[in-house]
Amino acid sequence: MATVLVTGSNRGIGLEYCRQLRDRGFDVIAVCRETSPELQALGVRIEAGLDQADPGMPAELTGRLDGLPLHWVILNAGILESIGFDLLDEASIRRQFEVNALAPLRLVRALAAQIPSGGKLALMSSRMASIDDNTSGGSYGYRMSKAALNSAGKSLAHDLRSRGIAVAILHPGLVSTRMIGFNPKGISPEQAVSGLLARMDALNLDSSGTFWHANGEVLPW
């Protein structure tokens, strides 16, 4: 049975990933800082107390996993702190870079040896990472950090190709979760994850490194 690891799994999109993947028959490893009743109710393996911002987190996680093969790795954890031009908060921008860009790269480096040939890696990005698609400005820390994540994902697609690992860079759409204040214009996590998993199903080495919307649209850099 295939094993999938999901970070940021205690709520929102991460929780829904765990639910749908469990229902597909995957062995799910849910990684989070703090668990939740909803996650515990799924009956999946939970690795809690792991903060992606902690540089020691990858070593702690790999120690717990003890070499277990990971067929899919979905790096979903991230933060959004709205930073406008008039009130630039440099500490917040650095924090978003740490969590949204550097931390996933550290984690991939630590876990790559456990992803077998034919494995798949998903980096949860955002349309707000697109420079060409930026029509509103603002959100400096989030836009900059997710653009950096996209750049890392493109490089990973090249560097992991020889190992047979394909990389997807994914935008879930506007999803009604706590991160965006349950925006009523957003789609449900169920709908978003259904589309995201369709992108993962179709992912292969030929399409590795592509920046996709959950609906299948290829997004501009």
N, C-alpha and C. Protein backbone atom coordinates (compact mmCIF):
# COMPACT_ATOMS: atom_id res chain seq x y z
N MET A 1 0.84 -1.19 0.00
CA MET A 1 0.00 0.00 0.00
C MET A 1 0.88 1.25 0.00
N ALA A 2 0.54 2.25 -0.80
CA ALA A 2 1.34 3.46 -0.91
C ALA A 2 1.18 4.34 0.32
N THR A 3 2.24 5.04 0.66
CA THR A 3 2.24 5.94 1.81
C THR A 3 2.39 7.37 1.34
N VAL A 4 1.61 8.27 1.93
CA VAL A 4 1.67 9.69 1.60
C VAL A 4 1.87 10.48 2.89
N LEU A 5 2.73 11.47 2.83
CA LEU A 5 2.97 12.37 3.95
C LEU A 5 2.41 13.73 3.60
N VAL A 6 1.65 14.32 4.53
CA VAL A 6 1.02 15.62 4.32
C VAL A 6 1.39 16.53 5.49
N THR A 7 1.96 17.70 5.19
CA THR A 7 2.23 18.67 6.25
C THR A 7 1.08 19.68 6.34
N GLY A 8 1.01 20.37 7.47
CA GLY A 8 -0.08 21.32 7.68
C GLY A 8 -1.43 20.63 7.64
N SER A 9 -1.53 19.51 8.36
CA SER A 9 -2.63 18.57 8.14
C SER A 9 -3.77 18.67 9.14
N ASN A 10 -3.72 19.59 10.07
CA ASN A 10 -4.71 19.56 11.14
C ASN A 10 -6.01 20.30 10.81
N ARG A 11 -6.02 21.06 9.70
CA ARG A 11 -7.23 21.80 9.33
C ARG A 11 -7.18 22.16 7.85
N GLY A 12 -8.28 22.71 7.35
CA GLY A 12 -8.31 23.26 6.02
C GLY A 12 -7.96 22.27 4.92
N ILE A 13 -7.15 22.74 3.98
CA ILE A 13 -6.78 21.93 2.82
C ILE A 13 -5.99 20.70 3.25
N GLY A 14 -5.08 20.85 4.21
CA GLY A 14 -4.28 19.71 4.66
C GLY A 14 -5.13 18.61 5.25
N LEU A 15 -6.10 18.99 6.07
CA LEU A 15 -7.02 18.01 6.65
C LEU A 15 -7.81 17.29 5.56
N GLU A 16 -8.26 18.04 4.57
CA GLU A 16 -9.04 17.43 3.48
C GLU A 16 -8.17 16.52 2.63
N TYR A 17 -6.92 16.90 2.40
CA TYR A 17 -5.99 15.98 1.73
C TYR A 17 -5.96 14.65 2.48
N CYS A 18 -5.78 14.71 3.78
CA CYS A 18 -5.69 13.48 4.58
C CYS A 18 -6.96 12.66 4.46
N ARG A 19 -8.11 13.32 4.47
CA ARG A 19 -9.38 12.60 4.39
C ARG A 19 -9.53 11.90 3.04
N GLN A 20 -9.30 12.63 1.96
CA GLN A 20 -9.51 12.03 0.65
C GLN A 20 -8.46 10.98 0.32
N LEU A 21 -7.23 11.18 0.76
CA LEU A 21 -6.20 10.18 0.52
C LEU A 21 -6.45 8.91 1.33
N ARG A 22 -6.90 9.08 2.57
CA ARG A 22 -7.28 7.91 3.37
C ARG A 22 -8.39 7.14 2.67
N ASP A 23 -9.38 7.85 2.16
CA ASP A 23 -10.50 7.19 1.50
C ASP A 23 -10.07 6.47 0.23
N ARG A 24 -8.97 6.92 -0.37
CA ARG A 24 -8.42 6.24 -1.55
C ARG A 24 -7.64 4.98 -1.19
N GLY A 25 -7.34 4.82 0.09
CA GLY A 25 -6.60 3.64 0.52
C GLY A 25 -5.13 3.88 0.79
N PHE A 26 -4.68 5.13 0.76
CA PHE A 26 -3.30 5.44 1.11
C PHE A 26 -3.08 5.26 2.62
N ASP A 27 -1.86 4.89 2.98
CA ASP A 27 -1.43 5.04 4.37
C ASP A 27 -1.00 6.49 4.53
N VAL A 28 -1.70 7.25 5.36
CA VAL A 28 -1.48 8.69 5.49
C VAL A 28 -0.68 8.99 6.76
N ILE A 29 0.35 9.80 6.59
CA ILE A 29 1.10 10.33 7.73
C ILE A 29 0.82 11.83 7.76
N ALA A 30 0.13 12.28 8.81
CA ALA A 30 -0.28 13.67 8.95
C ALA A 30 0.69 14.38 9.88
N VAL A 31 1.39 15.39 9.34
CA VAL A 31 2.39 16.13 10.10
C VAL A 31 1.83 17.51 10.45
N CYS A 32 1.97 17.92 11.70
CA CYS A 32 1.41 19.19 12.13
C CYS A 32 2.08 19.68 13.41
N ARG A 33 1.89 20.95 13.70
CA ARG A 33 2.36 21.49 14.99
C ARG A 33 1.47 20.98 16.12
N GLU A 34 0.17 21.10 15.91
CA GLU A 34 -0.81 20.64 16.89
C GLU A 34 -1.89 19.86 16.17
N THR A 35 -2.30 18.74 16.74
CA THR A 35 -3.36 17.97 16.13
C THR A 35 -4.71 18.63 16.39
N SER A 36 -5.76 18.05 15.86
CA SER A 36 -7.11 18.59 16.05
C SER A 36 -8.07 17.42 16.18
N PRO A 37 -9.23 17.65 16.79
CA PRO A 37 -10.21 16.56 16.88
C PRO A 37 -10.60 16.01 15.51
N GLU A 38 -10.69 16.91 14.51
CA GLU A 38 -11.07 16.48 13.17
C GLU A 38 -10.02 15.55 12.56
N LEU A 39 -8.75 15.88 12.79
CA LEU A 39 -7.68 15.03 12.27
C LEU A 39 -7.64 13.70 13.01
N GLN A 40 -7.78 13.73 14.31
CA GLN A 40 -7.76 12.49 15.10
C GLN A 40 -8.89 11.56 14.70
N ALA A 41 -10.01 12.15 14.29
CA ALA A 41 -11.17 11.32 13.91
C ALA A 41 -10.94 10.55 12.62
N LEU A 42 -9.94 10.95 11.83
CA LEU A 42 -9.68 10.26 10.57
C LEU A 42 -9.01 8.90 10.78
N GLY A 43 -8.36 8.72 11.91
CA GLY A 43 -7.71 7.45 12.17
C GLY A 43 -6.41 7.24 11.40
N VAL A 44 -5.77 8.33 10.97
CA VAL A 44 -4.50 8.23 10.25
C VAL A 44 -3.35 8.38 11.24
N ARG A 45 -2.14 8.09 10.79
CA ARG A 45 -0.97 8.28 11.63
C ARG A 45 -0.68 9.77 11.76
N ILE A 46 -0.55 10.25 12.98
CA ILE A 46 -0.32 11.67 13.23
C ILE A 46 1.05 11.87 13.85
N GLU A 47 1.83 12.75 13.26
CA GLU A 47 3.12 13.16 13.83
C GLU A 47 2.99 14.64 14.18
N ALA A 48 2.66 14.91 15.44
CA ALA A 48 2.41 16.26 15.91
C ALA A 48 3.63 16.81 16.64
N GLY A 49 3.55 18.09 17.00
CA GLY A 49 4.65 18.75 17.70
C GLY A 49 5.80 19.11 16.79
N LEU A 50 5.55 19.23 15.49
CA LEU A 50 6.59 19.51 14.50
C LEU A 50 6.30 20.85 13.84
N ASP A 51 7.13 21.83 14.12
CA ASP A 51 6.96 23.18 13.60
C ASP A 51 7.88 23.38 12.41
N GLN A 52 7.32 23.64 11.26
CA GLN A 52 8.10 23.78 10.03
C GLN A 52 9.13 24.90 10.12
N ALA A 53 8.88 25.91 10.96
CA ALA A 53 9.82 27.03 11.10
C ALA A 53 11.07 26.65 11.88
N ASP A 54 11.04 25.52 12.56
CA ASP A 54 12.18 25.06 13.36
C ASP A 54 13.19 24.36 12.45
N PRO A 55 14.41 24.86 12.34
CA PRO A 55 15.40 24.21 11.48
C PRO A 55 15.68 22.76 11.85
N GLY A 56 15.41 22.38 13.09
CA GLY A 56 15.63 21.00 13.51
C GLY A 56 14.46 20.07 13.19
N MET A 57 13.38 20.62 12.65
CA MET A 57 12.19 19.80 12.39
C MET A 57 12.44 18.67 11.40
N PRO A 58 13.15 18.88 10.28
CA PRO A 58 13.34 17.77 9.34
C PRO A 58 14.05 16.57 9.97
N ALA A 59 15.07 16.84 10.78
CA ALA A 59 15.78 15.73 11.42
C ALA A 59 14.89 15.01 12.41
N GLU A 60 14.07 15.75 13.13
CA GLU A 60 13.13 15.13 14.07
C GLU A 60 12.13 14.24 13.32
N LEU A 61 11.62 14.73 12.22
CA LEU A 61 10.64 13.96 11.46
C LEU A 61 11.26 12.71 10.85
N THR A 62 12.42 12.85 10.23
CA THR A 62 13.04 11.67 9.61
C THR A 62 13.40 10.63 10.68
N GLY A 63 13.75 11.10 11.86
CA GLY A 63 14.01 10.16 12.94
C GLY A 63 12.77 9.36 13.31
N ARG A 64 11.64 10.02 13.34
CA ARG A 64 10.38 9.33 13.66
C ARG A 64 9.98 8.35 12.54
N LEU A 65 10.27 8.72 11.30
CA LEU A 65 9.86 7.88 10.17
C LEU A 65 10.75 6.66 9.97
N ASP A 66 11.99 6.75 10.42
CA ASP A 66 12.91 5.61 10.42
C ASP A 66 13.03 4.95 9.05
N GLY A 67 13.20 5.78 8.01
CA GLY A 67 13.45 5.24 6.68
C GLY A 67 12.24 4.75 5.92
N LEU A 68 11.04 4.97 6.42
CA LEU A 68 9.82 4.50 5.77
C LEU A 68 9.71 5.11 4.37
N PRO A 69 9.47 4.30 3.33
CA PRO A 69 9.29 4.86 1.98
C PRO A 69 8.05 5.75 1.91
N LEU A 70 8.20 6.89 1.25
CA LEU A 70 7.11 7.85 1.09
C LEU A 70 6.83 7.99 -0.41
N HIS A 71 5.72 7.47 -0.86
CA HIS A 71 5.43 7.46 -2.29
C HIS A 71 4.95 8.83 -2.78
N TRP A 72 4.20 9.52 -1.96
CA TRP A 72 3.81 10.89 -2.24
C TRP A 72 4.17 11.74 -1.03
N VAL A 73 4.67 12.96 -1.27
CA VAL A 73 4.92 13.94 -0.21
C VAL A 73 4.22 15.22 -0.62
N ILE A 74 3.31 15.71 0.23
CA ILE A 74 2.55 16.92 -0.06
C ILE A 74 2.89 17.95 1.01
N LEU A 75 3.63 18.98 0.61
CA LEU A 75 4.09 20.01 1.55
C LEU A 75 3.10 21.17 1.48
N ASN A 76 2.17 21.15 2.42
CA ASN A 76 1.03 22.04 2.42
C ASN A 76 1.14 23.16 3.46
N ALA A 77 1.96 22.99 4.48
CA ALA A 77 2.02 23.96 5.57
C ALA A 77 2.53 25.31 5.06
N GLY A 78 1.93 26.38 5.54
CA GLY A 78 2.35 27.72 5.15
C GLY A 78 1.61 28.76 5.97
N ILE A 79 2.05 30.01 5.86
CA ILE A 79 1.40 31.11 6.57
C ILE A 79 1.14 32.25 5.60
N LEU A 80 0.10 33.02 5.91
CA LEU A 80 -0.26 34.22 5.14
C LEU A 80 -0.40 35.37 6.12
N GLU A 81 0.45 36.38 5.95
CA GLU A 81 0.36 37.60 6.73
C GLU A 81 0.34 38.76 5.75
N SER A 82 -0.75 39.50 5.74
CA SER A 82 -0.93 40.55 4.73
C SER A 82 -0.04 41.75 5.03
N ILE A 83 0.85 42.08 4.09
CA ILE A 83 1.80 43.17 4.24
C ILE A 83 1.63 44.13 3.07
N GLY A 84 1.21 45.37 3.36
CA GLY A 84 1.04 46.37 2.33
C GLY A 84 2.25 47.29 2.22
N PHE A 85 2.27 48.11 1.20
CA PHE A 85 3.41 48.98 0.92
C PHE A 85 3.63 50.02 2.01
N ASP A 86 2.56 50.56 2.56
CA ASP A 86 2.68 51.64 3.53
C ASP A 86 3.15 51.17 4.90
N LEU A 87 2.92 49.91 5.21
CA LEU A 87 3.29 49.38 6.52
C LEU A 87 4.10 48.10 6.34
N LEU A 88 5.25 48.22 5.70
CA LEU A 88 6.11 47.05 5.50
C LEU A 88 6.64 46.55 6.84
N ASP A 89 6.40 45.30 7.12
CA ASP A 89 6.86 44.66 8.36
C ASP A 89 7.95 43.66 7.96
N GLU A 90 9.19 44.05 8.12
CA GLU A 90 10.28 43.20 7.66
C GLU A 90 10.34 41.88 8.40
N ALA A 91 10.01 41.89 9.69
CA ALA A 91 10.02 40.64 10.45
C ALA A 91 8.99 39.66 9.91
N SER A 92 7.82 40.18 9.53
CA SER A 92 6.79 39.32 8.97
C SER A 92 7.22 38.76 7.61
N ILE A 93 7.84 39.59 6.79
CA ILE A 93 8.31 39.13 5.49
C ILE A 93 9.33 38.01 5.66
N ARG A 94 10.27 38.22 6.58
CA ARG A 94 11.27 37.16 6.83
C ARG A 94 10.62 35.89 7.34
N ARG A 95 9.62 36.04 8.21
CA ARG A 95 8.94 34.87 8.77
C ARG A 95 8.24 34.09 7.66
N GLN A 96 7.60 34.78 6.74
CA GLN A 96 6.93 34.09 5.64
C GLN A 96 7.92 33.41 4.70
N PHE A 97 9.08 34.04 4.46
CA PHE A 97 10.11 33.36 3.69
C PHE A 97 10.56 32.09 4.40
N GLU A 98 10.75 32.16 5.70
CA GLU A 98 11.22 31.00 6.45
C GLU A 98 10.24 29.84 6.35
N VAL A 99 8.96 30.13 6.56
CA VAL A 99 7.95 29.07 6.60
C VAL A 99 7.53 28.61 5.21
N ASN A 100 7.34 29.56 4.30
CA ASN A 100 6.75 29.24 2.99
C ASN A 100 7.76 28.80 1.94
N ALA A 101 9.03 29.20 2.09
CA ALA A 101 10.01 28.89 1.05
C ALA A 101 11.18 28.04 1.55
N LEU A 102 11.85 28.51 2.58
CA LEU A 102 13.04 27.80 3.05
C LEU A 102 12.68 26.49 3.74
N ALA A 103 11.67 26.50 4.58
CA ALA A 103 11.31 25.29 5.33
C ALA A 103 10.93 24.13 4.41
N PRO A 104 10.11 24.33 3.39
CA PRO A 104 9.81 23.19 2.48
C PRO A 104 11.06 22.65 1.79
N LEU A 105 11.98 23.54 1.41
CA LEU A 105 13.20 23.08 0.75
C LEU A 105 14.04 22.23 1.70
N ARG A 106 14.16 22.67 2.94
CA ARG A 106 14.87 21.87 3.95
C ARG A 106 14.24 20.50 4.10
N LEU A 107 12.91 20.49 4.11
CA LEU A 107 12.20 19.23 4.34
C LEU A 107 12.38 18.28 3.16
N VAL A 108 12.34 18.81 1.94
CA VAL A 108 12.57 17.95 0.76
C VAL A 108 13.97 17.36 0.81
N ARG A 109 14.95 18.16 1.17
CA ARG A 109 16.31 17.64 1.25
C ARG A 109 16.40 16.49 2.24
N ALA A 110 15.69 16.61 3.37
CA ALA A 110 15.73 15.57 4.39
C ALA A 110 14.97 14.31 3.97
N LEU A 111 13.88 14.47 3.22
CA LEU A 111 13.01 13.34 2.91
C LEU A 111 13.31 12.69 1.57
N ALA A 112 14.10 13.33 0.72
CA ALA A 112 14.29 12.85 -0.66
C ALA A 112 14.76 11.40 -0.71
N ALA A 113 15.62 11.01 0.23
CA ALA A 113 16.15 9.65 0.22
C ALA A 113 15.06 8.61 0.48
N GLN A 114 13.92 9.05 1.05
CA GLN A 114 12.84 8.12 1.36
C GLN A 114 11.76 8.08 0.28
N ILE A 115 11.90 8.92 -0.75
CA ILE A 115 10.94 8.92 -1.85
C ILE A 115 11.47 8.01 -2.96
N PRO A 116 10.80 6.92 -3.26
CA PRO A 116 11.31 5.98 -4.26
C PRO A 116 11.12 6.51 -5.68
N SER A 117 11.80 5.90 -6.62
CA SER A 117 11.58 6.22 -8.03
C SER A 117 10.11 6.00 -8.37
N GLY A 118 9.55 6.95 -9.09
CA GLY A 118 8.12 6.93 -9.35
C GLY A 118 7.32 7.71 -8.33
N GLY A 119 8.01 8.24 -7.31
CA GLY A 119 7.34 9.03 -6.28
C GLY A 119 6.97 10.41 -6.78
N LYS A 120 6.11 11.08 -6.01
CA LYS A 120 5.62 12.39 -6.40
C LYS A 120 5.70 13.36 -5.22
N LEU A 121 6.10 14.59 -5.55
CA LEU A 121 6.23 15.65 -4.56
C LEU A 121 5.34 16.80 -4.98
N ALA A 122 4.54 17.31 -4.04
CA ALA A 122 3.68 18.48 -4.30
C ALA A 122 4.08 19.61 -3.37
N LEU A 123 4.29 20.78 -3.97
CA LEU A 123 4.54 22.01 -3.21
C LEU A 123 3.30 22.87 -3.34
N MET A 124 2.68 23.20 -2.21
CA MET A 124 1.47 24.02 -2.25
C MET A 124 1.87 25.48 -2.33
N SER A 125 1.63 26.04 -3.50
CA SER A 125 1.95 27.43 -3.77
C SER A 125 0.66 28.24 -3.80
N SER A 126 0.65 29.30 -4.61
CA SER A 126 -0.50 30.16 -4.73
C SER A 126 -0.41 30.93 -6.03
N ARG A 127 -1.57 31.27 -6.59
CA ARG A 127 -1.58 32.13 -7.77
C ARG A 127 -0.92 33.48 -7.47
N MET A 128 -0.92 33.85 -6.19
CA MET A 128 -0.29 35.11 -5.79
C MET A 128 1.22 35.07 -5.96
N ALA A 129 1.78 33.91 -6.24
CA ALA A 129 3.21 33.79 -6.54
C ALA A 129 3.52 34.22 -7.95
N SER A 130 2.50 34.27 -8.80
CA SER A 130 2.73 34.60 -10.20
C SER A 130 3.05 36.08 -10.36
N ILE A 131 4.18 36.39 -10.95
CA ILE A 131 4.56 37.78 -11.21
C ILE A 131 3.72 38.33 -12.36
N ASP A 132 3.54 37.54 -13.39
CA ASP A 132 2.79 37.99 -14.56
C ASP A 132 1.32 38.22 -14.23
N ASP A 133 0.79 37.48 -13.27
CA ASP A 133 -0.63 37.53 -12.94
C ASP A 133 -0.93 38.53 -11.83
N ASN A 134 0.07 39.25 -11.34
CA ASN A 134 -0.13 40.19 -10.24
C ASN A 134 -0.80 41.46 -10.76
N THR A 135 -2.09 41.60 -10.46
CA THR A 135 -2.86 42.75 -10.94
C THR A 135 -3.32 43.67 -9.81
N SER A 136 -2.90 43.37 -8.57
CA SER A 136 -3.40 44.16 -7.44
C SER A 136 -2.33 44.64 -6.48
N GLY A 137 -1.09 44.14 -6.60
CA GLY A 137 -0.04 44.57 -5.69
C GLY A 137 -0.24 44.06 -4.27
N GLY A 138 0.51 44.65 -3.33
CA GLY A 138 0.36 44.29 -1.93
C GLY A 138 0.81 42.88 -1.60
N SER A 139 0.49 42.45 -0.36
CA SER A 139 0.80 41.10 0.12
C SER A 139 2.26 40.73 -0.14
N TYR A 140 3.17 41.63 0.22
CA TYR A 140 4.57 41.48 -0.17
C TYR A 140 5.20 40.20 0.36
N GLY A 141 5.07 39.93 1.64
CA GLY A 141 5.72 38.74 2.19
C GLY A 141 5.18 37.46 1.60
N TYR A 142 3.87 37.40 1.41
CA TYR A 142 3.27 36.17 0.88
C TYR A 142 3.63 35.98 -0.59
N ARG A 143 3.47 37.04 -1.39
CA ARG A 143 3.80 36.93 -2.81
C ARG A 143 5.27 36.56 -3.00
N MET A 144 6.15 37.25 -2.29
CA MET A 144 7.59 37.04 -2.47
C MET A 144 7.99 35.63 -2.03
N SER A 145 7.46 35.18 -0.89
CA SER A 145 7.85 33.86 -0.39
C SER A 145 7.32 32.74 -1.26
N LYS A 146 6.11 32.89 -1.79
CA LYS A 146 5.57 31.84 -2.65
C LYS A 146 6.25 31.85 -4.02
N ALA A 147 6.67 33.03 -4.50
CA ALA A 147 7.45 33.06 -5.74
C ALA A 147 8.78 32.35 -5.55
N ALA A 148 9.38 32.52 -4.37
CA ALA A 148 10.62 31.81 -4.06
C ALA A 148 10.38 30.31 -3.99
N LEU A 149 9.26 29.89 -3.44
CA LEU A 149 8.92 28.47 -3.41
C LEU A 149 8.78 27.92 -4.83
N ASN A 150 8.14 28.69 -5.71
CA ASN A 150 8.01 28.25 -7.10
C ASN A 150 9.37 28.05 -7.74
N SER A 151 10.28 28.98 -7.48
CA SER A 151 11.63 28.86 -8.04
C SER A 151 12.32 27.60 -7.52
N ALA A 152 12.17 27.34 -6.23
CA ALA A 152 12.74 26.13 -5.65
C ALA A 152 12.12 24.88 -6.28
N GLY A 153 10.81 24.92 -6.49
CA GLY A 153 10.13 23.77 -7.08
C GLY A 153 10.60 23.46 -8.48
N LYS A 154 10.85 24.51 -9.26
CA LYS A 154 11.36 24.31 -10.61
C LYS A 154 12.74 23.67 -10.59
N SER A 155 13.60 24.14 -9.69
CA SER A 155 14.93 23.54 -9.56
C SER A 155 14.85 22.10 -9.07
N LEU A 156 13.95 21.84 -8.12
CA LEU A 156 13.79 20.48 -7.62
C LEU A 156 13.34 19.53 -8.73
N ALA A 157 12.49 20.03 -9.63
CA ALA A 157 12.05 19.17 -10.74
C ALA A 157 13.24 18.70 -11.56
N HIS A 158 14.23 19.56 -11.74
CA HIS A 158 15.44 19.16 -12.46
C HIS A 158 16.32 18.25 -11.61
N ASP A 159 16.53 18.62 -10.36
CA ASP A 159 17.48 17.90 -9.52
C ASP A 159 16.98 16.52 -9.10
N LEU A 160 15.66 16.34 -9.03
CA LEU A 160 15.10 15.05 -8.61
C LEU A 160 14.74 14.15 -9.78
N ARG A 161 14.87 14.65 -11.01
CA ARG A 161 14.48 13.87 -12.18
C ARG A 161 15.28 12.57 -12.28
N SER A 162 16.59 12.65 -12.01
CA SER A 162 17.42 11.45 -12.12
C SER A 162 17.04 10.38 -11.10
N ARG A 163 16.33 10.78 -10.05
CA ARG A 163 15.86 9.83 -9.04
C ARG A 163 14.47 9.30 -9.38
N GLY A 164 13.88 9.80 -10.47
CA GLY A 164 12.54 9.36 -10.86
C GLY A 164 11.43 9.99 -10.07
N ILE A 165 11.69 11.16 -9.47
CA ILE A 165 10.69 11.85 -8.64
C ILE A 165 10.15 13.05 -9.41
N ALA A 166 8.83 13.12 -9.54
CA ALA A 166 8.17 14.22 -10.24
C ALA A 166 7.65 15.25 -9.24
N VAL A 167 7.68 16.52 -9.65
CA VAL A 167 7.34 17.63 -8.76
C VAL A 167 6.19 18.44 -9.34
N ALA A 168 5.16 18.68 -8.54
CA ALA A 168 4.05 19.55 -8.93
C ALA A 168 4.06 20.79 -8.05
N ILE A 169 3.85 21.95 -8.67
CA ILE A 169 3.70 23.21 -7.95
C ILE A 169 2.24 23.61 -8.10
N LEU A 170 1.50 23.67 -7.00
CA LEU A 170 0.03 23.69 -7.07
C LEU A 170 -0.60 24.90 -6.41
N HIS A 171 -1.60 25.46 -7.08
CA HIS A 171 -2.46 26.51 -6.53
C HIS A 171 -3.84 25.90 -6.33
N PRO A 172 -4.40 25.98 -5.11
CA PRO A 172 -5.68 25.31 -4.85
C PRO A 172 -6.91 26.06 -5.32
N GLY A 173 -6.74 27.32 -5.76
CA GLY A 173 -7.89 28.17 -6.00
C GLY A 173 -8.19 28.97 -4.74
N LEU A 174 -9.20 29.81 -4.81
CA LEU A 174 -9.66 30.54 -3.63
C LEU A 174 -10.52 29.59 -2.81
N VAL A 175 -9.98 29.18 -1.67
CA VAL A 175 -10.63 28.15 -0.86
C VAL A 175 -11.09 28.76 0.46
N SER A 176 -12.31 28.48 0.83
CA SER A 176 -12.87 29.04 2.06
C SER A 176 -12.32 28.29 3.27
N THR A 177 -11.19 28.79 3.78
CA THR A 177 -10.55 28.23 4.98
C THR A 177 -10.26 29.35 5.96
N ARG A 178 -9.80 28.98 7.14
CA ARG A 178 -9.49 29.97 8.17
C ARG A 178 -8.38 30.92 7.72
N MET A 179 -7.44 30.43 6.88
CA MET A 179 -6.33 31.27 6.44
C MET A 179 -6.82 32.55 5.76
N ILE A 180 -7.94 32.47 5.04
CA ILE A 180 -8.46 33.66 4.35
C ILE A 180 -9.80 34.10 4.96
N GLY A 181 -9.99 33.78 6.26
CA GLY A 181 -11.18 34.23 6.96
C GLY A 181 -12.48 33.62 6.46
N PHE A 182 -12.40 32.40 5.93
CA PHE A 182 -13.58 31.69 5.42
C PHE A 182 -14.34 32.56 4.41
N ASN A 183 -13.60 33.12 3.48
CA ASN A 183 -14.17 33.97 2.44
C ASN A 183 -15.35 33.26 1.76
N PRO A 184 -16.54 33.87 1.78
CA PRO A 184 -17.71 33.20 1.20
C PRO A 184 -17.62 33.01 -0.31
N LYS A 185 -16.71 33.71 -0.97
CA LYS A 185 -16.52 33.54 -2.40
C LYS A 185 -15.67 32.31 -2.73
N GLY A 186 -15.06 31.73 -1.70
CA GLY A 186 -14.17 30.60 -1.93
C GLY A 186 -14.90 29.29 -2.15
N ILE A 187 -14.21 28.36 -2.80
CA ILE A 187 -14.75 27.02 -2.96
C ILE A 187 -14.48 26.21 -1.70
N SER A 188 -15.07 25.06 -1.58
CA SER A 188 -14.88 24.23 -0.40
C SER A 188 -13.53 23.51 -0.46
N PRO A 189 -12.96 23.17 0.69
CA PRO A 189 -11.75 22.34 0.67
C PRO A 189 -11.94 21.04 -0.07
N GLU A 190 -13.14 20.47 0.00
CA GLU A 190 -13.41 19.21 -0.70
C GLU A 190 -13.24 19.38 -2.20
N GLN A 191 -13.80 20.46 -2.75
CA GLN A 191 -13.69 20.70 -4.18
C GLN A 191 -12.25 20.99 -4.58
N ALA A 192 -11.56 21.79 -3.78
CA ALA A 192 -10.18 22.13 -4.08
C ALA A 192 -9.29 20.90 -4.11
N VAL A 193 -9.39 20.07 -3.09
CA VAL A 193 -8.52 18.90 -2.99
C VAL A 193 -8.85 17.88 -4.07
N SER A 194 -10.08 17.77 -4.44
CA SER A 194 -10.43 16.88 -5.55
C SER A 194 -9.68 17.28 -6.81
N GLY A 195 -9.62 18.58 -7.10
CA GLY A 195 -8.86 19.05 -8.25
C GLY A 195 -7.37 18.87 -8.08
N LEU A 196 -6.86 19.14 -6.89
CA LEU A 196 -5.43 18.99 -6.63
C LEU A 196 -4.98 17.55 -6.79
N LEU A 197 -5.78 16.62 -6.34
CA LEU A 197 -5.42 15.20 -6.48
C LEU A 197 -5.50 14.75 -7.94
N ALA A 198 -6.36 15.37 -8.71
CA ALA A 198 -6.38 15.07 -10.14
C ALA A 198 -5.07 15.50 -10.79
N ARG A 199 -4.52 16.62 -10.34
CA ARG A 199 -3.22 17.07 -10.87
C ARG A 199 -2.11 16.10 -10.43
N MET A 200 -2.19 15.61 -9.21
CA MET A 200 -1.19 14.64 -8.74
C MET A 200 -1.30 13.33 -9.50
N ASP A 201 -2.50 12.90 -9.76
CA ASP A 201 -2.68 11.66 -10.52
C ASP A 201 -2.04 11.76 -11.90
N ALA A 202 -2.17 12.92 -12.53
CA ALA A 202 -1.66 13.10 -13.90
C ALA A 202 -0.17 13.42 -13.94
N LEU A 203 0.41 13.78 -12.81
CA LEU A 203 1.81 14.20 -12.75
C LEU A 203 2.75 13.07 -13.17
N ASN A 204 3.72 13.40 -14.02
CA ASN A 204 4.78 12.46 -14.37
C ASN A 204 6.06 13.26 -14.65
N LEU A 205 7.12 12.58 -15.01
CA LEU A 205 8.39 13.27 -15.23
C LEU A 205 8.32 14.25 -16.40
N ASP A 206 7.47 13.99 -17.38
CA ASP A 206 7.35 14.91 -18.50
C ASP A 206 6.72 16.24 -18.09
N SER A 207 5.82 16.19 -17.12
CA SER A 207 5.14 17.42 -16.68
C SER A 207 5.72 17.98 -15.39
N SER A 208 6.77 17.36 -14.87
CA SER A 208 7.38 17.79 -13.61
C SER A 208 7.85 19.24 -13.70
N GLY A 209 7.60 19.99 -12.62
CA GLY A 209 8.01 21.39 -12.56
C GLY A 209 6.98 22.36 -13.07
N THR A 210 5.79 21.89 -13.40
CA THR A 210 4.72 22.75 -13.90
C THR A 210 3.97 23.39 -12.73
N PHE A 211 3.54 24.65 -12.95
CA PHE A 211 2.77 25.42 -11.97
C PHE A 211 1.31 25.36 -12.38
N TRP A 212 0.51 24.58 -11.62
CA TRP A 212 -0.88 24.31 -11.98
C TRP A 212 -1.88 24.95 -11.01
N HIS A 213 -2.99 25.37 -11.58
CA HIS A 213 -4.21 25.62 -10.82
C HIS A 213 -4.86 24.26 -10.59
N ALA A 214 -5.60 24.13 -9.51
CA ALA A 214 -6.29 22.87 -9.22
C ALA A 214 -7.24 22.47 -10.34
N ASN A 215 -7.73 23.45 -11.10
CA ASN A 215 -8.67 23.14 -12.18
C ASN A 215 -7.99 22.65 -13.45
N GLY A 216 -6.66 22.54 -13.43
CA GLY A 216 -5.92 22.04 -14.56
C GLY A 216 -5.27 23.10 -15.40
N GLU A 217 -5.57 24.37 -15.14
CA GLU A 217 -4.96 25.48 -15.89
C GLU A 217 -3.48 25.59 -15.52
N VAL A 218 -2.61 25.76 -16.52
CA VAL A 218 -1.20 26.02 -16.27
C VAL A 218 -1.05 27.51 -16.04
N LEU A 219 -0.48 27.88 -14.91
CA LEU A 219 -0.38 29.28 -14.50
C LEU A 219 0.92 29.91 -14.97
N PRO A 220 0.91 31.21 -15.23
CA PRO A 220 2.12 31.90 -15.67
C PRO A 220 3.06 32.14 -14.48
N TRP A 221 4.34 32.19 -14.78
CA TRP A 221 5.30 32.48 -13.73
C TRP A 221 5.26 33.97 -13.35
